[in-house]
């Protein structure tokens, strides 16, 4: 380390990953501009997840891409369509033998034969690509409108809840493919200068400035208002045996038992008699449901589950306010929550005052 302590220190790989993602977005944009310069047309390629942010050469049928993506299809068949990137990387190495040495000329001849057999002779593909390139026109992008879209309630940056300059690059670049990379610099500055982008106070340990969308602050304040209305008031509850029976029925539907923690939290929420409980779980648990949780309210709170007061990225835990109603329909999925308690036992939620301060 280059400080007074010296010695060794582990790298913040999440920080490196975020910057690598932004650099990849810039690289894709440069490549798209070069493709347009060479006379090709381009189309958006969001990928299977819808968030790839890539692009593809216009005029190439999807069937042709699938024909020459046999390896990807094999991995999907082995792991399923919802497999993670890490799992697919392992499967790519574990499910195929070492390639035999084949000359490039032989590969080209084989690929061309496959295309012709599928009804897409190479000459026809070239003609289609050239026609698409001749008809292609760069779309005009209003940067102010783009900023409003990204920062709006359904925008990508609002869904992130907090974001850095790198996140803006990742979100904006796919909308600008084909334009010079200088357009991306202008778009980033336009987004960060927009009135709906609110800079958060820099905290100890943060490595860069962090922003949030104003609509996220509005969600935080609405949550705080609901919490204030519900805290301290008695709510409906069920008897312990009824709660235990409900959990048993859930386990029968799942075909597997809940963990001890899942069981205790589920039963505790049903019998507590509180109108509002605060449940703490590991990162990602806010996206799941607990038996008795009101699904509409839980979905609303999910958007604002990361505390805005902590501007550091990728925290190890997240806090979420989750209102649970015993009369609500039980969900088929249960989060691995670690702890649950009534909101009244927390001295200060902090959300309302923090949101108003930023305004």
Protein backbone atom coordinates (compact mmCIF):
# COMPACT_ATOMS: atom_id res chain seq x y z
CA UNK A 1 0.00 0.00 0.00
CA UNK A 2 1.22 3.49 -0.75
CA UNK A 3 0.41 4.97 2.63
CA UNK A 4 1.96 5.15 6.09
CA UNK A 5 0.84 1.61 6.96
CA UNK A 6 2.45 -0.13 3.97
CA UNK A 7 1.96 -3.88 3.82
CA UNK A 8 -0.59 -5.77 1.75
CA UNK A 9 -4.26 -5.07 1.21
CA UNK A 10 -6.96 -6.90 -0.76
CA UNK A 11 -8.20 -5.25 -3.95
CA UNK A 12 -11.76 -3.95 -4.11
CA UNK A 13 -12.78 -6.18 -7.02
CA UNK A 14 -16.34 -4.81 -7.08
CA UNK A 15 -14.92 -1.33 -7.72
CA UNK A 16 -12.76 -2.71 -10.53
CA UNK A 17 -15.72 -4.60 -11.99
CA UNK A 18 -17.87 -1.47 -12.12
CA UNK A 19 -15.19 0.47 -13.98
CA UNK A 20 -14.60 -2.46 -16.34
CA UNK A 21 -18.31 -2.50 -17.16
CA UNK A 22 -18.23 1.22 -17.97
CA UNK A 23 -15.10 0.76 -20.10
CA UNK A 24 -16.85 -2.06 -21.98
CA UNK A 25 -19.79 0.26 -22.71
CA UNK A 26 -17.40 2.85 -24.11
CA UNK A 27 -15.67 0.21 -26.24
CA UNK A 28 -18.99 -0.97 -27.67
CA UNK A 29 -19.89 2.60 -28.55
CA UNK A 30 -16.56 3.17 -30.34
CA UNK A 31 -17.01 -0.09 -32.28
CA UNK A 32 -20.58 0.86 -33.26
CA UNK A 33 -19.39 4.23 -34.57
CA UNK A 34 -16.70 2.46 -36.63
CA UNK A 35 -19.27 0.03 -38.07
CA UNK A 36 -21.47 2.93 -39.20
CA UNK A 37 -18.42 4.68 -40.65
CA UNK A 38 -17.68 1.54 -42.73
CA UNK A 39 -21.21 1.58 -44.15
CA UNK A 40 -22.97 -0.97 -41.98
CA UNK A 41 -26.35 -0.53 -40.37
CA UNK A 42 -26.67 -1.44 -36.69
CA UNK A 43 -29.50 -2.54 -34.41
CA UNK A 44 -29.77 -2.79 -30.63
CA UNK A 45 -28.89 -6.14 -29.05
CA UNK A 46 -30.12 -6.22 -25.43
CA UNK A 47 -29.18 -9.89 -25.03
CA UNK A 48 -31.21 -12.59 -23.23
CA UNK A 49 -31.33 -10.57 -19.99
CA UNK A 50 -32.45 -7.37 -21.69
CA UNK A 51 -29.57 -5.46 -20.07
CA UNK A 52 -26.63 -6.34 -22.30
CA UNK A 53 -26.51 -2.93 -23.95
CA UNK A 54 -24.90 -4.30 -27.09
CA UNK A 55 -25.48 -3.87 -30.79
CA UNK A 56 -25.48 -6.06 -33.90
CA UNK A 57 -24.99 -5.67 -37.66
CA UNK A 58 -28.34 -5.01 -39.35
CA UNK A 59 -29.51 -7.40 -42.06
CA UNK A 60 -28.36 -10.66 -40.44
CA UNK A 61 -31.36 -12.89 -39.62
CA UNK A 62 -31.65 -14.21 -36.08
CA UNK A 63 -31.71 -17.75 -37.49
CA UNK A 64 -28.20 -17.25 -38.86
CA UNK A 65 -26.90 -16.11 -35.47
CA UNK A 66 -28.50 -19.11 -33.78
CA UNK A 67 -27.03 -21.44 -36.41
CA UNK A 68 -23.52 -20.31 -35.50
CA UNK A 69 -24.15 -20.14 -31.74
CA UNK A 70 -24.32 -23.88 -31.15
CA UNK A 71 -21.96 -23.74 -28.17
CA UNK A 72 -24.13 -21.20 -26.38
CA UNK A 73 -27.18 -23.38 -27.04
CA UNK A 74 -25.38 -26.41 -25.59
CA UNK A 75 -24.55 -24.56 -22.36
CA UNK A 76 -28.13 -23.29 -22.06
CA UNK A 77 -29.45 -26.82 -22.56
CA UNK A 78 -27.10 -28.09 -19.82
CA UNK A 79 -27.79 -25.36 -17.23
CA UNK A 80 -31.12 -23.80 -18.19
CA UNK A 81 -31.97 -20.31 -19.49
CA UNK A 82 -31.65 -18.62 -16.06
CA UNK A 83 -28.10 -19.78 -15.34
CA UNK A 84 -25.62 -17.18 -14.09
CA UNK A 85 -22.63 -15.87 -16.01
CA UNK A 86 -20.27 -17.61 -13.58
CA UNK A 87 -22.06 -20.95 -13.98
CA UNK A 88 -21.97 -20.66 -17.76
CA UNK A 89 -18.24 -19.93 -17.65
CA UNK A 90 -17.61 -23.10 -15.64
CA UNK A 91 -19.84 -25.15 -17.92
CA UNK A 92 -18.07 -23.83 -21.01
CA UNK A 93 -14.85 -25.44 -19.77
CA UNK A 94 -16.33 -28.56 -18.23
CA UNK A 95 -18.73 -29.74 -20.91
CA UNK A 96 -16.53 -29.78 -24.00
CA UNK A 97 -13.41 -31.66 -24.99
CA UNK A 98 -10.33 -29.91 -26.28
CA UNK A 99 -10.80 -28.63 -29.83
CA UNK A 100 -9.09 -30.45 -32.67
CA UNK A 101 -6.76 -28.49 -34.95
CA UNK A 102 -8.77 -27.42 -38.03
CA UNK A 103 -7.61 -25.08 -40.79
CA UNK A 104 -9.49 -21.77 -41.11
CA UNK A 105 -10.17 -22.45 -44.79
CA UNK A 106 -11.92 -25.71 -43.89
CA UNK A 107 -13.98 -23.98 -41.21
CA UNK A 108 -15.11 -21.26 -43.63
CA UNK A 109 -16.16 -23.83 -46.21
CA UNK A 110 -18.14 -25.75 -43.58
CA UNK A 111 -19.86 -22.62 -42.25
CA UNK A 112 -20.84 -21.50 -45.74
CA UNK A 113 -22.31 -24.93 -46.45
CA UNK A 114 -24.32 -24.74 -43.23
CA UNK A 115 -25.67 -21.32 -44.20
CA UNK A 116 -26.66 -22.51 -47.66
CA UNK A 117 -28.34 -25.59 -46.20
CA UNK A 118 -30.36 -23.38 -43.84
CA UNK A 119 -31.62 -21.25 -46.75
CA UNK A 120 -29.20 -18.33 -46.30
CA UNK A 121 -26.52 -18.51 -49.02
CA UNK A 122 -23.55 -16.19 -48.26
CA UNK A 123 -24.25 -14.09 -51.39
CA UNK A 124 -27.81 -13.41 -50.17
CA UNK A 125 -26.53 -12.45 -46.70
CA UNK A 126 -24.04 -9.99 -48.17
CA UNK A 127 -26.79 -8.40 -50.26
CA UNK A 128 -29.08 -8.11 -47.21
CA UNK A 129 -26.33 -6.53 -45.09
CA UNK A 130 -25.47 -4.03 -47.83
CA UNK A 131 -29.14 -3.10 -48.28
CA UNK A 132 -29.55 -2.58 -44.53
CA UNK A 133 -26.43 -0.41 -44.49
CA UNK A 134 -27.68 1.75 -47.36
CA UNK A 135 -31.04 2.28 -45.64
CA UNK A 136 -29.57 2.98 -42.20
CA UNK A 137 -29.87 6.45 -40.72
CA UNK A 138 -28.56 7.59 -37.38
CA UNK A 139 -31.35 8.47 -34.99
CA UNK A 140 -31.33 11.93 -33.46
CA UNK A 141 -31.04 11.84 -29.69
CA UNK A 142 -32.22 14.69 -27.48
CA UNK A 143 -29.86 14.50 -24.50
CA UNK A 144 -32.26 16.30 -22.16
CA UNK A 145 -35.02 13.81 -23.01
CA UNK A 146 -32.56 10.94 -22.51
CA UNK A 147 -31.60 12.28 -19.08
CA UNK A 148 -35.25 12.51 -18.08
CA UNK A 149 -35.86 8.94 -19.25
CA UNK A 150 -32.91 7.49 -17.33
CA UNK A 151 -33.77 9.39 -14.14
CA UNK A 152 -37.54 8.79 -14.33
CA UNK A 153 -39.40 6.29 -12.11
CA UNK A 154 -38.95 3.51 -14.68
CA UNK A 155 -35.45 4.60 -15.74
CA UNK A 156 -32.36 2.47 -15.29
CA UNK A 157 -30.65 4.92 -12.95
CA UNK A 158 -33.71 5.16 -10.72
CA UNK A 159 -33.79 1.37 -10.52
CA UNK A 160 -30.18 1.45 -9.31
CA UNK A 161 -31.29 3.71 -6.42
CA UNK A 162 -27.77 5.15 -6.16
CA UNK A 163 -25.40 5.54 -9.08
CA UNK A 164 -21.95 6.79 -10.03
CA UNK A 165 -20.60 8.40 -13.20
CA UNK A 166 -19.71 4.91 -14.43
CA UNK A 167 -23.34 3.81 -14.02
CA UNK A 168 -24.45 6.77 -16.15
CA UNK A 169 -22.01 5.70 -18.88
CA UNK A 170 -23.41 2.16 -18.81
CA UNK A 171 -27.02 3.39 -18.93
CA UNK A 172 -26.57 6.07 -21.60
CA UNK A 173 -24.20 4.38 -24.08
CA UNK A 174 -26.74 1.93 -25.62
CA UNK A 175 -28.94 4.89 -26.61
CA UNK A 176 -26.07 6.51 -28.53
CA UNK A 177 -24.63 3.66 -30.59
CA UNK A 178 -23.43 4.89 -33.97
CA UNK A 179 -22.62 8.39 -32.71
CA UNK A 180 -19.10 9.62 -31.93
CA UNK A 181 -17.92 8.78 -28.41
CA UNK A 182 -17.87 12.52 -27.66
CA UNK A 183 -21.68 12.32 -27.61
CA UNK A 184 -21.39 10.00 -24.61
CA UNK A 185 -19.36 12.59 -22.68
CA UNK A 186 -22.06 15.18 -23.38
CA UNK A 187 -24.81 12.78 -22.34
CA UNK A 188 -23.11 11.97 -19.02
CA UNK A 189 -22.70 15.65 -18.17
CA UNK A 190 -26.33 16.34 -19.16
CA UNK A 191 -27.62 13.57 -16.88
CA UNK A 192 -25.56 14.65 -13.88
CA UNK A 193 -26.56 18.30 -14.38
CA UNK A 194 -30.26 17.39 -14.56
CA UNK A 195 -32.39 18.61 -11.69
CA UNK A 196 -33.59 15.06 -11.01
CA UNK A 197 -30.03 13.86 -10.28
CA UNK A 198 -29.33 14.54 -6.60
CA UNK A 199 -25.72 14.35 -5.37
CA UNK A 200 -25.43 12.49 -2.07
CA UNK A 201 -23.08 13.61 0.70
CA UNK A 202 -19.67 11.99 0.45
CA UNK A 203 -19.07 9.61 3.35
CA UNK A 204 -15.91 8.15 4.80
CA UNK A 205 -14.69 5.24 2.72
CA UNK A 206 -16.39 6.25 -0.52
CA UNK A 207 -14.14 6.37 -3.58
CA UNK A 208 -16.23 8.58 -5.83
CA UNK A 209 -19.26 10.87 -5.91
CA UNK A 210 -22.63 9.10 -5.79
CA UNK A 211 -26.02 10.40 -6.96
CA UNK A 212 -29.62 9.28 -6.65
CA UNK A 213 -32.74 10.06 -8.68
CA UNK A 214 -35.19 12.51 -7.13
CA UNK A 215 -38.04 10.05 -7.61
CA UNK A 216 -36.17 7.60 -5.34
CA UNK A 217 -36.09 10.25 -2.61
CA UNK A 218 -39.82 10.70 -3.08
CA UNK A 219 -40.29 6.95 -2.59
CA UNK A 220 -38.16 7.10 0.56
CA UNK A 221 -40.29 9.88 1.97
CA UNK A 222 -43.52 8.07 1.20
CA UNK A 223 -42.18 4.98 2.95
CA UNK A 224 -41.23 7.07 5.99
CA UNK A 225 -44.72 8.60 6.06
CA UNK A 226 -46.35 5.17 5.98
CA UNK A 227 -43.99 3.95 8.70
CA UNK A 228 -44.87 6.89 10.94
CA UNK A 229 -48.57 6.17 10.46
CA UNK A 230 -48.26 2.48 11.24
CA UNK A 231 -45.67 2.48 14.02
CA UNK A 232 -47.05 2.01 17.53
CA UNK A 233 -50.50 0.84 16.45
CA UNK A 234 -51.77 -2.68 16.98
CA UNK A 235 -52.51 -4.73 13.89
CA UNK A 236 -54.28 -8.00 13.13
CA UNK A 237 -52.64 -11.23 14.19
CA UNK A 238 -53.32 -14.94 14.20
CA UNK A 239 -52.88 -17.56 16.89
CA UNK A 240 -49.58 -19.38 16.98
CA UNK A 241 -51.05 -22.73 15.95
CA UNK A 242 -52.71 -21.15 12.90
CA UNK A 243 -49.38 -19.61 11.93
CA UNK A 244 -47.61 -22.94 12.32
CA UNK A 245 -50.26 -24.64 10.17
CA UNK A 246 -49.84 -21.97 7.46
CA UNK A 247 -46.08 -22.52 7.38
CA UNK A 248 -46.59 -26.29 7.14
CA UNK A 249 -48.90 -25.81 4.14
CA UNK A 250 -46.30 -23.56 2.53
CA UNK A 251 -43.59 -26.18 3.01
CA UNK A 252 -45.87 -28.77 1.40
CA UNK A 253 -46.31 -26.53 -1.66
CA UNK A 254 -42.57 -25.90 -1.85
CA UNK A 255 -41.74 -29.56 -1.44
CA UNK A 256 -38.96 -28.66 1.01
CA UNK A 257 -38.73 -27.45 4.63
CA UNK A 258 -37.90 -23.86 5.56
CA UNK A 259 -34.72 -23.13 7.44
CA UNK A 260 -35.00 -22.49 11.16
CA UNK A 261 -34.57 -18.74 10.62
CA UNK A 262 -37.15 -18.62 7.83
CA UNK A 263 -39.59 -20.55 10.00
CA UNK A 264 -39.09 -18.30 13.04
CA UNK A 265 -39.46 -15.07 11.05
CA UNK A 266 -42.57 -16.28 9.21
CA UNK A 267 -44.33 -17.35 12.39
CA UNK A 268 -43.14 -14.29 14.32
CA UNK A 269 -44.57 -11.87 11.77
CA UNK A 270 -47.92 -13.63 11.71
CA UNK A 271 -48.39 -13.65 15.48
CA UNK A 272 -46.72 -10.33 16.42
CA UNK A 273 -49.78 -8.10 16.13
CA UNK A 274 -47.68 -5.22 14.78
CA UNK A 275 -48.89 -3.20 11.83
CA UNK A 276 -45.30 -2.71 10.68
CA UNK A 277 -42.20 -4.85 11.22
CA UNK A 278 -38.63 -4.15 10.16
CA UNK A 279 -36.76 -7.16 8.81
CA UNK A 280 -33.03 -7.20 8.12
CA UNK A 281 -31.60 -9.63 5.59
CA UNK A 282 -28.54 -10.22 3.48
CA UNK A 283 -28.15 -8.39 0.15
CA UNK A 284 -30.86 -9.38 -2.30
CA UNK A 285 -33.32 -10.66 0.30
CA UNK A 286 -35.60 -7.65 -0.18
CA UNK A 287 -36.56 -9.08 -3.54
CA UNK A 288 -38.14 -12.15 -1.96
CA UNK A 289 -41.32 -12.58 0.04
CA UNK A 290 -42.17 -13.90 3.47
CA UNK A 291 -45.39 -15.79 4.28
CA UNK A 292 -47.97 -13.18 5.20
CA UNK A 293 -46.21 -10.34 3.39
CA UNK A 294 -48.39 -7.90 1.49
CA UNK A 295 -46.98 -8.37 -2.06
CA UNK A 296 -48.05 -4.94 -3.34
CA UNK A 297 -46.42 -3.02 -0.49
CA UNK A 298 -43.32 -5.23 -0.50
CA UNK A 299 -42.81 -4.58 -4.23
CA UNK A 300 -43.07 -0.83 -3.63
CA UNK A 301 -40.56 -0.92 -0.80
CA UNK A 302 -38.13 -3.07 -2.76
CA UNK A 303 -37.19 -0.07 -4.90
CA UNK A 304 -35.98 1.91 -1.91
CA UNK A 305 -34.51 -0.81 0.28
CA UNK A 306 -30.91 0.46 0.16
CA UNK A 307 -30.30 3.25 2.71
CA UNK A 308 -29.50 6.48 0.88
CA UNK A 309 -27.44 7.65 3.84
CA UNK A 310 -24.72 5.17 2.93
CA UNK A 311 -23.25 6.27 -0.37
CA UNK A 312 -20.75 3.44 -0.46
CA UNK A 313 -21.40 0.91 -3.20
CA UNK A 314 -22.10 -2.79 -2.76
CA UNK A 315 -22.69 -2.88 0.96
CA UNK A 316 -22.74 -6.29 2.64
CA UNK A 317 -26.24 -5.84 4.09
CA UNK A 318 -29.39 -4.00 3.08
CA UNK A 319 -32.21 -2.74 5.26
CA UNK A 320 -35.81 -2.72 4.09
CA UNK A 321 -39.07 -1.65 5.62
CA UNK A 322 -41.50 -4.46 4.91
CA UNK A 323 -45.14 -4.17 6.05
CA UNK A 324 -46.59 -7.60 6.74
CA UNK A 325 -50.30 -8.32 6.93
CA UNK A 326 -51.32 -11.75 8.30
CA UNK A 327 -54.42 -11.75 6.09
CA UNK A 328 -52.36 -11.42 2.93
CA UNK A 329 -51.88 -14.33 0.59
CA UNK A 330 -48.77 -16.37 1.41
CA UNK A 331 -45.97 -16.29 -1.13
CA UNK A 332 -44.26 -19.42 -2.39
CA UNK A 333 -40.81 -17.98 -1.72
CA UNK A 334 -39.28 -17.10 1.63
CA UNK A 335 -36.24 -14.91 2.10
CA UNK A 336 -33.37 -16.01 4.35
CA UNK A 337 -34.01 -13.19 6.83
CA UNK A 338 -31.72 -13.03 9.82
CA UNK A 339 -33.70 -10.85 12.19
CA UNK A 340 -37.12 -9.23 12.55
CA UNK A 341 -38.44 -6.72 15.03
CA UNK A 342 -41.14 -4.04 15.26
CA UNK A 343 -40.20 -0.64 13.89
CA UNK A 344 -41.09 0.92 17.23
CA UNK A 345 -37.95 -0.60 18.75
CA UNK A 346 -35.74 1.33 16.30
CA UNK A 347 -34.96 4.78 17.70
CA UNK A 348 -34.67 6.61 14.37
CA UNK A 349 -35.53 5.47 10.87
CA UNK A 350 -33.88 8.59 9.50
CA UNK A 351 -35.43 8.33 6.03
CA UNK A 352 -37.83 11.26 6.17
CA UNK A 353 -35.41 13.77 7.65
CA UNK A 354 -32.63 12.69 5.27
CA UNK A 355 -34.87 13.01 2.21
CA UNK A 356 -36.06 16.45 3.22
CA UNK A 357 -32.49 17.59 3.87
CA UNK A 358 -31.46 16.64 0.32
CA UNK A 359 -34.40 18.50 -1.12
